[in-house]
Amino acid sequence: MLRLQNFHGSELTPFLDALGALRITVFREYPYLYDGSLEYERDYLRVYLRSAASLVVLAFDDGRVVGATTCLPMLDEGPEFQAAFAKAGHDLATICYFGESILLPQFRGQGVGKEFFARREAHARHLGSKISAFCAMDRPADHPLRPAGYRPLDGFWRDQGYVRHPGLQATFAWKETNEAAESPKTLTFWLKDLT
């Protein structure tokens, strides 16, 4: 049985490298194909240390970090996350941004993903957020690196009450496992009304 533990702000510090290593491992899988480095991860994850209103839930198996989920007020996120919402006229102060929700494959299918959403949504409501939002990778169904039997998580996200908003997108650059250099990727936001 996995042990889940909540962390806020700088409480995450002792587990920063473990979370970074987990992100590198899980996001290396399709559809992200992320070829990351721990140095980049440390820099990226510092936003959660700086935000006293952040929540990071870590899943432990015998003391080892095997899963994680994150969220923080959209106002504490970077401009690349905020831009689509600001352009669409959303009040950023009413949005809680949900970052990653990641779990090693051998621990999937046991309800941890649902618990991750429940904890983040409870935190967002505690903050007074009216909307929770996350973004997901856009890949065509015929992508050449799509593994046989791959199942997108769209159905799971819909079951949690989220709606895909094609008009809200962000572009991020990273190096994929099959690339020599970083290239831009488009991600689309999914939203849930928390009121």
N, C-alpha and C. Protein backbone atom coordinates (compact mmCIF):
# COMPACT_ATOMS: atom_id res chain seq x y z
N MET A 1 0.84 -1.19 0.00
CA MET A 1 0.00 0.00 0.00
C MET A 1 0.88 1.25 0.00
N LEU A 2 0.58 2.17 -0.91
CA LEU A 2 1.36 3.40 -0.98
C LEU A 2 0.95 4.36 0.14
N ARG A 3 1.92 5.12 0.59
CA ARG A 3 1.66 6.16 1.59
C ARG A 3 1.70 7.50 0.87
N LEU A 4 0.61 8.28 0.97
CA LEU A 4 0.55 9.60 0.36
C LEU A 4 0.77 10.66 1.42
N GLN A 5 1.58 11.66 1.10
CA GLN A 5 1.86 12.73 2.05
C GLN A 5 1.83 14.07 1.35
N ASN A 6 1.16 15.05 1.98
CA ASN A 6 1.06 16.40 1.44
C ASN A 6 2.25 17.25 1.90
N PHE A 7 2.72 18.10 0.99
CA PHE A 7 3.79 19.05 1.29
C PHE A 7 3.38 20.42 0.76
N HIS A 8 3.77 21.47 1.48
CA HIS A 8 3.46 22.84 1.06
C HIS A 8 4.76 23.64 1.03
N GLY A 9 4.94 24.43 -0.03
CA GLY A 9 6.08 25.32 -0.11
C GLY A 9 7.40 24.61 0.13
N SER A 10 8.20 25.18 1.02
CA SER A 10 9.57 24.69 1.24
C SER A 10 9.63 23.33 1.93
N GLU A 11 8.49 22.82 2.41
CA GLU A 11 8.49 21.46 3.00
C GLU A 11 8.96 20.42 1.98
N LEU A 12 8.82 20.75 0.69
CA LEU A 12 9.21 19.82 -0.38
C LEU A 12 10.73 19.70 -0.55
N THR A 13 11.48 20.64 -0.03
CA THR A 13 12.93 20.72 -0.29
C THR A 13 13.67 19.39 -0.20
N PRO A 14 13.49 18.58 0.85
CA PRO A 14 14.26 17.33 0.94
C PRO A 14 13.94 16.32 -0.17
N PHE A 15 12.81 16.51 -0.85
CA PHE A 15 12.37 15.54 -1.86
C PHE A 15 12.45 16.10 -3.29
N LEU A 16 13.07 17.28 -3.44
CA LEU A 16 13.11 17.94 -4.75
C LEU A 16 13.79 17.06 -5.80
N ASP A 17 14.94 16.48 -5.49
CA ASP A 17 15.65 15.66 -6.47
C ASP A 17 14.89 14.36 -6.78
N ALA A 18 14.25 13.79 -5.77
CA ALA A 18 13.47 12.56 -6.01
C ALA A 18 12.29 12.86 -6.93
N LEU A 19 11.64 14.01 -6.74
CA LEU A 19 10.54 14.40 -7.61
C LEU A 19 11.05 14.68 -9.02
N GLY A 20 12.17 15.36 -9.12
CA GLY A 20 12.76 15.62 -10.44
C GLY A 20 13.11 14.34 -11.18
N ALA A 21 13.70 13.39 -10.49
CA ALA A 21 14.06 12.11 -11.10
C ALA A 21 12.81 11.35 -11.54
N LEU A 22 11.75 11.41 -10.74
CA LEU A 22 10.49 10.76 -11.11
C LEU A 22 9.90 11.40 -12.36
N ARG A 23 9.92 12.73 -12.42
CA ARG A 23 9.40 13.43 -13.62
C ARG A 23 10.18 13.00 -14.87
N ILE A 24 11.48 12.92 -14.76
CA ILE A 24 12.31 12.51 -15.90
C ILE A 24 11.91 11.10 -16.36
N THR A 25 11.72 10.21 -15.41
CA THR A 25 11.37 8.82 -15.74
C THR A 25 10.00 8.72 -16.39
N VAL A 26 8.98 9.31 -15.75
CA VAL A 26 7.61 9.16 -16.25
C VAL A 26 7.40 9.94 -17.54
N PHE A 27 7.92 11.15 -17.62
CA PHE A 27 7.69 11.95 -18.82
C PHE A 27 8.54 11.51 -20.01
N ARG A 28 9.44 10.57 -19.79
CA ARG A 28 10.18 9.99 -20.91
C ARG A 28 9.25 9.11 -21.75
N GLU A 29 8.17 8.63 -21.13
CA GLU A 29 7.19 7.80 -21.81
C GLU A 29 6.37 8.65 -22.79
N TYR A 30 5.76 7.99 -23.75
CA TYR A 30 4.82 8.64 -24.65
C TYR A 30 3.61 9.09 -23.82
N PRO A 31 3.05 10.27 -24.03
CA PRO A 31 3.19 11.14 -25.19
C PRO A 31 4.23 12.25 -25.05
N TYR A 32 4.88 12.39 -23.87
CA TYR A 32 5.79 13.51 -23.69
C TYR A 32 7.16 13.28 -24.30
N LEU A 33 7.70 12.07 -24.19
CA LEU A 33 9.00 11.72 -24.76
C LEU A 33 10.10 12.68 -24.32
N TYR A 34 10.00 13.10 -23.07
CA TYR A 34 10.87 14.12 -22.50
C TYR A 34 12.25 13.57 -22.18
N ASP A 35 13.26 14.26 -22.70
CA ASP A 35 14.65 13.90 -22.43
C ASP A 35 15.21 14.97 -21.49
N GLY A 36 14.93 14.82 -20.20
CA GLY A 36 15.24 15.88 -19.24
C GLY A 36 16.51 15.66 -18.46
N SER A 37 16.82 16.68 -17.66
CA SER A 37 18.01 16.62 -16.79
C SER A 37 17.59 17.06 -15.38
N LEU A 38 18.29 16.56 -14.40
CA LEU A 38 17.99 16.90 -13.01
C LEU A 38 18.24 18.40 -12.77
N GLU A 39 19.21 18.97 -13.44
CA GLU A 39 19.49 20.41 -13.30
C GLU A 39 18.27 21.23 -13.73
N TYR A 40 17.69 20.88 -14.88
CA TYR A 40 16.50 21.58 -15.35
C TYR A 40 15.35 21.36 -14.36
N GLU A 41 15.18 20.14 -13.90
CA GLU A 41 14.09 19.81 -12.99
C GLU A 41 14.17 20.63 -11.70
N ARG A 42 15.36 20.76 -11.15
CA ARG A 42 15.51 21.55 -9.93
C ARG A 42 15.02 22.98 -10.14
N ASP A 43 15.38 23.55 -11.27
CA ASP A 43 14.97 24.92 -11.59
C ASP A 43 13.46 24.99 -11.79
N TYR A 44 12.91 24.06 -12.56
CA TYR A 44 11.47 24.04 -12.85
C TYR A 44 10.64 23.88 -11.57
N LEU A 45 11.06 23.00 -10.69
CA LEU A 45 10.28 22.68 -9.49
C LEU A 45 10.39 23.72 -8.37
N ARG A 46 11.32 24.64 -8.50
CA ARG A 46 11.49 25.66 -7.46
C ARG A 46 10.23 26.51 -7.27
N VAL A 47 9.39 26.62 -8.29
CA VAL A 47 8.15 27.39 -8.17
C VAL A 47 7.30 26.85 -7.02
N TYR A 48 7.34 25.55 -6.79
CA TYR A 48 6.56 24.95 -5.71
C TYR A 48 7.18 25.24 -4.34
N LEU A 49 8.49 25.41 -4.31
CA LEU A 49 9.15 25.78 -3.06
C LEU A 49 8.85 27.23 -2.70
N ARG A 50 8.80 28.09 -3.72
CA ARG A 50 8.58 29.52 -3.50
C ARG A 50 7.14 29.85 -3.11
N SER A 51 6.20 29.03 -3.53
CA SER A 51 4.79 29.31 -3.28
C SER A 51 4.33 28.64 -1.98
N ALA A 52 4.06 29.45 -0.97
CA ALA A 52 3.55 28.90 0.29
C ALA A 52 2.17 28.27 0.10
N ALA A 53 1.48 28.65 -0.98
CA ALA A 53 0.13 28.12 -1.25
C ALA A 53 0.15 26.90 -2.16
N SER A 54 1.33 26.39 -2.46
CA SER A 54 1.42 25.21 -3.32
C SER A 54 1.08 23.95 -2.53
N LEU A 55 0.72 22.92 -3.28
CA LEU A 55 0.53 21.59 -2.71
C LEU A 55 1.24 20.60 -3.60
N VAL A 56 2.08 19.78 -2.99
CA VAL A 56 2.70 18.65 -3.68
C VAL A 56 2.37 17.42 -2.85
N VAL A 57 1.75 16.45 -3.50
CA VAL A 57 1.44 15.18 -2.84
C VAL A 57 2.42 14.15 -3.39
N LEU A 58 3.17 13.53 -2.51
CA LEU A 58 4.11 12.49 -2.92
C LEU A 58 3.57 11.13 -2.50
N ALA A 59 3.74 10.15 -3.37
CA ALA A 59 3.38 8.77 -3.07
C ALA A 59 4.67 8.01 -2.78
N PHE A 60 4.71 7.36 -1.63
CA PHE A 60 5.91 6.63 -1.21
C PHE A 60 5.63 5.13 -1.18
N ASP A 61 6.59 4.36 -1.63
CA ASP A 61 6.59 2.91 -1.48
C ASP A 61 7.87 2.55 -0.74
N ASP A 62 7.76 2.12 0.50
CA ASP A 62 8.94 1.82 1.33
C ASP A 62 9.94 2.97 1.34
N GLY A 63 9.44 4.19 1.47
CA GLY A 63 10.32 5.35 1.56
C GLY A 63 10.77 5.92 0.24
N ARG A 64 10.48 5.25 -0.87
CA ARG A 64 10.89 5.71 -2.20
C ARG A 64 9.74 6.46 -2.86
N VAL A 65 10.03 7.63 -3.46
CA VAL A 65 9.01 8.42 -4.15
C VAL A 65 8.69 7.72 -5.48
N VAL A 66 7.42 7.28 -5.61
CA VAL A 66 7.00 6.55 -6.82
C VAL A 66 5.86 7.26 -7.55
N GLY A 67 5.38 8.35 -6.97
CA GLY A 67 4.31 9.11 -7.59
C GLY A 67 4.25 10.50 -7.01
N ALA A 68 3.64 11.42 -7.76
CA ALA A 68 3.53 12.79 -7.29
C ALA A 68 2.46 13.53 -8.07
N THR A 69 1.90 14.53 -7.41
CA THR A 69 0.99 15.44 -8.08
C THR A 69 1.20 16.81 -7.46
N THR A 70 0.97 17.86 -8.26
CA THR A 70 1.28 19.22 -7.83
C THR A 70 0.17 20.19 -8.20
N CYS A 71 0.08 21.27 -7.42
CA CYS A 71 -0.80 22.38 -7.80
C CYS A 71 -0.37 23.64 -7.05
N LEU A 72 -0.79 24.77 -7.59
CA LEU A 72 -0.53 26.06 -6.96
C LEU A 72 -1.42 27.11 -7.60
N PRO A 73 -1.60 28.25 -6.94
CA PRO A 73 -2.40 29.30 -7.55
C PRO A 73 -1.80 29.71 -8.90
N MET A 74 -2.66 29.94 -9.89
CA MET A 74 -2.16 30.35 -11.21
C MET A 74 -1.31 31.61 -11.11
N LEU A 75 -1.62 32.49 -10.17
CA LEU A 75 -0.83 33.72 -10.01
C LEU A 75 0.61 33.42 -9.61
N ASP A 76 0.86 32.24 -9.03
CA ASP A 76 2.22 31.87 -8.63
C ASP A 76 2.97 31.15 -9.74
N GLU A 77 2.27 30.80 -10.82
CA GLU A 77 2.89 30.11 -11.96
C GLU A 77 3.57 31.13 -12.88
N GLY A 78 4.32 30.62 -13.85
CA GLY A 78 5.01 31.48 -14.79
C GLY A 78 4.09 32.03 -15.87
N PRO A 79 4.54 33.06 -16.57
CA PRO A 79 3.72 33.70 -17.61
C PRO A 79 3.35 32.76 -18.75
N GLU A 80 4.17 31.75 -19.01
CA GLU A 80 3.86 30.81 -20.09
C GLU A 80 2.62 29.98 -19.77
N PHE A 81 2.32 29.79 -18.49
CA PHE A 81 1.11 29.08 -18.07
C PHE A 81 -0.09 30.04 -18.02
N GLN A 82 0.16 31.28 -17.66
CA GLN A 82 -0.90 32.27 -17.46
C GLN A 82 -1.42 32.88 -18.76
N ALA A 83 -0.58 32.96 -19.78
CA ALA A 83 -0.87 33.76 -20.98
C ALA A 83 -2.22 33.43 -21.64
N ALA A 84 -2.52 32.17 -21.87
CA ALA A 84 -3.76 31.80 -22.56
C ALA A 84 -4.98 32.25 -21.76
N PHE A 85 -4.91 32.16 -20.43
CA PHE A 85 -6.04 32.55 -19.59
C PHE A 85 -6.19 34.07 -19.56
N ALA A 86 -5.09 34.78 -19.46
CA ALA A 86 -5.14 36.24 -19.47
C ALA A 86 -5.71 36.74 -20.80
N LYS A 87 -5.26 36.15 -21.89
CA LYS A 87 -5.73 36.54 -23.23
C LYS A 87 -7.23 36.27 -23.38
N ALA A 88 -7.73 35.20 -22.77
CA ALA A 88 -9.15 34.84 -22.86
C ALA A 88 -10.01 35.61 -21.84
N GLY A 89 -9.38 36.46 -21.03
CA GLY A 89 -10.13 37.29 -20.09
C GLY A 89 -10.45 36.65 -18.76
N HIS A 90 -9.80 35.55 -18.43
CA HIS A 90 -10.02 34.90 -17.14
C HIS A 90 -9.35 35.68 -16.02
N ASP A 91 -9.94 35.65 -14.85
CA ASP A 91 -9.34 36.23 -13.66
C ASP A 91 -8.36 35.20 -13.10
N LEU A 92 -7.07 35.46 -13.24
CA LEU A 92 -6.06 34.48 -12.82
C LEU A 92 -6.14 34.16 -11.33
N ALA A 93 -6.66 35.10 -10.55
CA ALA A 93 -6.75 34.89 -9.10
C ALA A 93 -7.78 33.81 -8.74
N THR A 94 -8.61 33.41 -9.69
CA THR A 94 -9.65 32.41 -9.41
C THR A 94 -9.26 31.01 -9.87
N ILE A 95 -8.03 30.86 -10.39
CA ILE A 95 -7.62 29.59 -11.01
C ILE A 95 -6.51 28.93 -10.19
N CYS A 96 -6.67 27.63 -9.97
CA CYS A 96 -5.60 26.83 -9.38
C CYS A 96 -5.04 25.96 -10.50
N TYR A 97 -3.74 26.08 -10.73
CA TYR A 97 -3.11 25.30 -11.79
C TYR A 97 -2.63 23.97 -11.24
N PHE A 98 -3.06 22.90 -11.89
CA PHE A 98 -2.62 21.55 -11.53
C PHE A 98 -1.46 21.17 -12.44
N GLY A 99 -0.31 20.95 -11.86
CA GLY A 99 0.86 20.53 -12.64
C GLY A 99 0.79 19.04 -12.91
N GLU A 100 1.88 18.38 -12.73
CA GLU A 100 1.96 16.96 -13.05
C GLU A 100 1.15 16.08 -12.11
N SER A 101 0.76 14.95 -12.63
CA SER A 101 0.16 13.87 -11.86
C SER A 101 0.82 12.62 -12.43
N ILE A 102 1.82 12.14 -11.73
CA ILE A 102 2.68 11.09 -12.30
C ILE A 102 2.83 9.93 -11.31
N LEU A 103 2.95 8.73 -11.89
CA LEU A 103 3.04 7.52 -11.08
C LEU A 103 3.78 6.47 -11.89
N LEU A 104 4.69 5.78 -11.26
CA LEU A 104 5.38 4.70 -11.95
C LEU A 104 4.36 3.65 -12.41
N PRO A 105 4.60 3.03 -13.57
CA PRO A 105 3.60 2.13 -14.17
C PRO A 105 3.10 1.02 -13.25
N GLN A 106 3.96 0.43 -12.44
CA GLN A 106 3.54 -0.71 -11.61
C GLN A 106 2.56 -0.33 -10.50
N PHE A 107 2.36 0.99 -10.28
CA PHE A 107 1.45 1.44 -9.23
C PHE A 107 0.16 2.05 -9.80
N ARG A 108 0.02 2.02 -11.11
CA ARG A 108 -1.17 2.59 -11.74
C ARG A 108 -2.36 1.63 -11.63
N GLY A 109 -3.56 2.20 -11.77
CA GLY A 109 -4.77 1.39 -11.76
C GLY A 109 -5.25 1.00 -10.37
N GLN A 110 -4.72 1.66 -9.34
CA GLN A 110 -5.09 1.33 -7.96
C GLN A 110 -5.81 2.48 -7.26
N GLY A 111 -6.26 3.48 -8.03
CA GLY A 111 -7.01 4.59 -7.46
C GLY A 111 -6.19 5.77 -7.02
N VAL A 112 -4.87 5.72 -7.20
CA VAL A 112 -4.01 6.83 -6.76
C VAL A 112 -4.30 8.08 -7.58
N GLY A 113 -4.53 7.94 -8.87
CA GLY A 113 -4.83 9.10 -9.71
C GLY A 113 -6.07 9.84 -9.24
N LYS A 114 -7.10 9.11 -8.87
CA LYS A 114 -8.32 9.73 -8.35
C LYS A 114 -8.04 10.46 -7.04
N GLU A 115 -7.25 9.84 -6.18
CA GLU A 115 -6.90 10.48 -4.91
C GLU A 115 -6.06 11.74 -5.15
N PHE A 116 -5.17 11.70 -6.14
CA PHE A 116 -4.39 12.89 -6.49
C PHE A 116 -5.33 14.04 -6.86
N PHE A 117 -6.32 13.76 -7.72
CA PHE A 117 -7.26 14.81 -8.10
C PHE A 117 -8.06 15.29 -6.89
N ALA A 118 -8.53 14.38 -6.06
CA ALA A 118 -9.32 14.76 -4.88
C ALA A 118 -8.53 15.68 -3.96
N ARG A 119 -7.27 15.37 -3.73
CA ARG A 119 -6.46 16.20 -2.82
C ARG A 119 -6.20 17.57 -3.43
N ARG A 120 -5.90 17.60 -4.74
CA ARG A 120 -5.64 18.90 -5.37
C ARG A 120 -6.91 19.76 -5.39
N GLU A 121 -8.05 19.14 -5.70
CA GLU A 121 -9.30 19.91 -5.73
C GLU A 121 -9.67 20.42 -4.35
N ALA A 122 -9.47 19.63 -3.32
CA ALA A 122 -9.73 20.08 -1.95
C ALA A 122 -8.83 21.28 -1.61
N HIS A 123 -7.59 21.20 -2.02
CA HIS A 123 -6.65 22.30 -1.77
C HIS A 123 -7.08 23.54 -2.53
N ALA A 124 -7.47 23.37 -3.80
CA ALA A 124 -7.90 24.51 -4.62
C ALA A 124 -9.11 25.19 -3.98
N ARG A 125 -10.07 24.40 -3.51
CA ARG A 125 -11.25 24.97 -2.84
C ARG A 125 -10.85 25.69 -1.55
N HIS A 126 -9.90 25.10 -0.82
CA HIS A 126 -9.40 25.74 0.41
C HIS A 126 -8.79 27.11 0.09
N LEU A 127 -8.16 27.22 -1.06
CA LEU A 127 -7.56 28.50 -1.48
C LEU A 127 -8.62 29.49 -1.98
N GLY A 128 -9.84 29.00 -2.22
CA GLY A 128 -10.89 29.86 -2.76
C GLY A 128 -10.93 29.89 -4.27
N SER A 129 -10.22 28.98 -4.92
CA SER A 129 -10.21 28.92 -6.39
C SER A 129 -11.57 28.48 -6.90
N LYS A 130 -11.96 29.04 -8.04
CA LYS A 130 -13.23 28.68 -8.67
C LYS A 130 -13.04 27.72 -9.84
N ILE A 131 -11.82 27.65 -10.34
CA ILE A 131 -11.50 26.80 -11.50
C ILE A 131 -10.21 26.05 -11.22
N SER A 132 -10.18 24.77 -11.56
CA SER A 132 -8.91 24.04 -11.57
C SER A 132 -8.58 23.77 -13.03
N ALA A 133 -7.30 23.82 -13.35
CA ALA A 133 -6.88 23.68 -14.74
C ALA A 133 -5.55 22.94 -14.81
N PHE A 134 -5.43 22.12 -15.84
CA PHE A 134 -4.14 21.49 -16.15
C PHE A 134 -3.99 21.47 -17.66
N CYS A 135 -2.79 21.22 -18.14
CA CYS A 135 -2.61 21.12 -19.58
C CYS A 135 -2.01 19.76 -19.93
N ALA A 136 -2.35 19.31 -21.12
CA ALA A 136 -1.92 17.98 -21.57
C ALA A 136 -1.38 18.07 -22.99
N MET A 137 -0.46 17.19 -23.26
CA MET A 137 0.21 17.12 -24.56
C MET A 137 -0.76 16.78 -25.68
N ASP A 138 -0.62 17.49 -26.79
CA ASP A 138 -1.40 17.19 -28.00
C ASP A 138 -0.53 16.37 -28.94
N ARG A 139 -0.98 15.18 -29.25
CA ARG A 139 -0.30 14.30 -30.21
C ARG A 139 -1.34 13.73 -31.17
N PRO A 140 -1.01 13.63 -32.45
CA PRO A 140 -1.96 13.01 -33.38
C PRO A 140 -2.07 11.51 -33.10
N ALA A 141 -3.24 10.95 -33.41
CA ALA A 141 -3.48 9.52 -33.17
C ALA A 141 -2.52 8.64 -33.94
N ASP A 142 -1.99 9.15 -35.05
CA ASP A 142 -1.08 8.35 -35.88
C ASP A 142 0.39 8.73 -35.66
N HIS A 143 0.72 9.30 -34.51
CA HIS A 143 2.11 9.68 -34.23
C HIS A 143 3.00 8.44 -34.35
N PRO A 144 4.14 8.55 -35.05
CA PRO A 144 4.97 7.36 -35.28
C PRO A 144 5.55 6.72 -34.03
N LEU A 145 5.65 7.46 -32.93
CA LEU A 145 6.20 6.89 -31.70
C LEU A 145 5.13 6.45 -30.71
N ARG A 146 3.87 6.51 -31.12
CA ARG A 146 2.78 6.07 -30.25
C ARG A 146 2.86 4.56 -30.10
N PRO A 147 2.99 4.06 -28.86
CA PRO A 147 3.10 2.61 -28.66
C PRO A 147 1.78 1.89 -28.94
N ALA A 148 1.89 0.66 -29.37
CA ALA A 148 0.69 -0.16 -29.58
C ALA A 148 -0.02 -0.29 -28.24
N GLY A 149 -1.33 -0.17 -28.25
CA GLY A 149 -2.11 -0.31 -27.04
C GLY A 149 -2.15 0.94 -26.17
N TYR A 150 -1.56 2.04 -26.63
CA TYR A 150 -1.57 3.27 -25.84
C TYR A 150 -2.99 3.77 -25.66
N ARG A 151 -3.34 4.12 -24.43
CA ARG A 151 -4.66 4.67 -24.12
C ARG A 151 -4.50 6.07 -23.55
N PRO A 152 -4.98 7.09 -24.27
CA PRO A 152 -4.91 8.45 -23.71
C PRO A 152 -5.74 8.53 -22.42
N LEU A 153 -5.45 9.52 -21.61
CA LEU A 153 -6.14 9.68 -20.34
C LEU A 153 -7.39 10.55 -20.43
N ASP A 154 -7.78 10.94 -21.64
CA ASP A 154 -8.92 11.84 -21.81
C ASP A 154 -10.17 11.33 -21.09
N GLY A 155 -10.49 10.06 -21.21
CA GLY A 155 -11.68 9.49 -20.57
C GLY A 155 -11.60 9.59 -19.05
N PHE A 156 -10.44 9.32 -18.49
CA PHE A 156 -10.24 9.44 -17.04
C PHE A 156 -10.46 10.88 -16.60
N TRP A 157 -9.89 11.83 -17.36
CA TRP A 157 -10.03 13.24 -17.00
C TRP A 157 -11.49 13.68 -17.09
N ARG A 158 -12.21 13.22 -18.12
CA ARG A 158 -13.64 13.55 -18.23
C ARG A 158 -14.41 12.98 -17.04
N ASP A 159 -14.05 11.77 -16.64
CA ASP A 159 -14.71 11.15 -15.48
C ASP A 159 -14.48 11.94 -14.19
N GLN A 160 -13.40 12.69 -14.14
CA GLN A 160 -13.11 13.52 -12.97
C GLN A 160 -13.79 14.89 -13.08
N GLY A 161 -14.52 15.12 -14.20
CA GLY A 161 -15.26 16.37 -14.37
C GLY A 161 -14.55 17.43 -15.17
N TYR A 162 -13.47 17.08 -15.86
CA TYR A 162 -12.70 18.06 -16.63
C TYR A 162 -13.16 18.11 -18.08
N VAL A 163 -13.07 19.32 -18.65
CA VAL A 163 -13.47 19.56 -20.03
C VAL A 163 -12.28 20.16 -20.77
N ARG A 164 -11.97 19.58 -21.93
CA ARG A 164 -10.88 20.08 -22.76
C ARG A 164 -11.31 21.38 -23.43
N HIS A 165 -10.42 22.37 -23.40
CA HIS A 165 -10.69 23.69 -23.99
C HIS A 165 -9.68 23.98 -25.09
N PRO A 166 -9.97 23.59 -26.33
CA PRO A 166 -9.02 23.78 -27.43
C PRO A 166 -8.59 25.23 -27.65
N GLY A 167 -9.40 26.18 -27.19
CA GLY A 167 -9.04 27.59 -27.34
C GLY A 167 -8.03 28.07 -26.31
N LEU A 168 -7.73 27.23 -25.33
CA LEU A 168 -6.74 27.57 -24.31
C LEU A 168 -5.54 26.65 -24.47
N GLN A 169 -4.48 27.19 -25.03
CA GLN A 169 -3.29 26.37 -25.29
C GLN A 169 -2.03 27.11 -24.85
N ALA A 170 -1.01 26.35 -24.60
CA ALA A 170 0.30 26.89 -24.26
C ALA A 170 1.36 26.15 -25.07
N THR A 171 2.44 26.83 -25.31
CA THR A 171 3.55 26.22 -26.04
C THR A 171 4.77 26.20 -25.14
N PHE A 172 5.36 25.02 -25.02
CA PHE A 172 6.57 24.84 -24.22
C PHE A 172 7.60 24.13 -25.09
N ALA A 173 8.86 24.39 -24.83
CA ALA A 173 9.92 23.73 -25.59
C ALA A 173 10.67 22.76 -24.68
N TRP A 174 10.91 21.56 -25.20
CA TRP A 174 11.78 20.61 -24.54
C TRP A 174 12.36 19.67 -25.58
N LYS A 175 13.40 18.99 -25.19
CA LYS A 175 14.06 18.03 -26.08
C LYS A 175 13.40 16.68 -25.88
N GLU A 176 12.95 16.11 -26.99
CA GLU A 176 12.38 14.76 -26.94
C GLU A 176 13.49 13.73 -27.09
N THR A 177 13.17 12.51 -26.73
CA THR A 177 14.16 11.43 -26.77
C THR A 177 14.71 11.19 -28.18
N ASN A 178 13.95 11.56 -29.20
CA ASN A 178 14.38 11.35 -30.59
C ASN A 178 14.84 12.64 -31.27
N GLU A 179 15.09 13.69 -30.49
CA GLU A 179 15.50 14.97 -31.05
C GLU A 179 16.92 15.33 -30.62
N ALA A 180 17.57 16.12 -31.47
CA ALA A 180 18.91 16.59 -31.14
C ALA A 180 18.87 17.87 -30.30
N ALA A 181 17.75 18.61 -30.39
CA ALA A 181 17.62 19.87 -29.66
C ALA A 181 16.16 20.08 -29.27
N GLU A 182 15.94 21.05 -28.41
CA GLU A 182 14.57 21.39 -28.01
C GLU A 182 13.74 21.84 -29.19
N SER A 183 12.44 21.59 -29.11
CA SER A 183 11.50 22.08 -30.11
C SER A 183 10.20 22.43 -29.41
N PRO A 184 9.40 23.33 -29.98
CA PRO A 184 8.15 23.72 -29.32
C PRO A 184 7.09 22.62 -29.41
N LYS A 185 6.31 22.49 -28.31
CA LYS A 185 5.20 21.52 -28.23
C LYS A 185 3.96 22.28 -27.78
N THR A 186 2.81 21.91 -28.31
CA THR A 186 1.55 22.54 -27.92
C THR A 186 0.82 21.66 -26.92
N LEU A 187 0.37 22.27 -25.86
CA LEU A 187 -0.43 21.59 -24.85
C LEU A 187 -1.75 22.32 -24.71
N THR A 188 -2.82 21.56 -24.49
CA THR A 188 -4.15 22.13 -24.36
C THR A 188 -4.62 22.01 -22.92
N PHE A 189 -5.31 23.05 -22.45
CA PHE A 189 -5.79 23.08 -21.07
C PHE A 189 -7.13 22.37 -20.94
N TRP A 190 -7.28 21.73 -19.80
CA TRP A 190 -8.54 21.10 -19.36
C TRP A 190 -8.96 21.82 -18.10
N LEU A 191 -10.25 22.14 -17.96
CA LEU A 191 -10.74 22.92 -16.84
C LEU A 191 -11.91 22.22 -16.14
N LYS A 192 -12.04 22.54 -14.85
CA LYS A 192 -13.19 22.09 -14.07
C LYS A 192 -13.69 23.26 -13.22
N ASP A 193 -15.00 23.44 -13.23
CA ASP A 193 -15.63 24.46 -12.40
C ASP A 193 -15.74 23.90 -10.98
N LEU A 194 -15.14 24.57 -10.02
CA LEU A 194 -15.12 24.11 -8.63
C LEU A 194 -16.21 24.74 -7.78
N THR A 195 -17.03 25.60 -8.37
CA THR A 195 -18.06 26.27 -7.57
C THR A 195 -19.27 25.38 -7.34
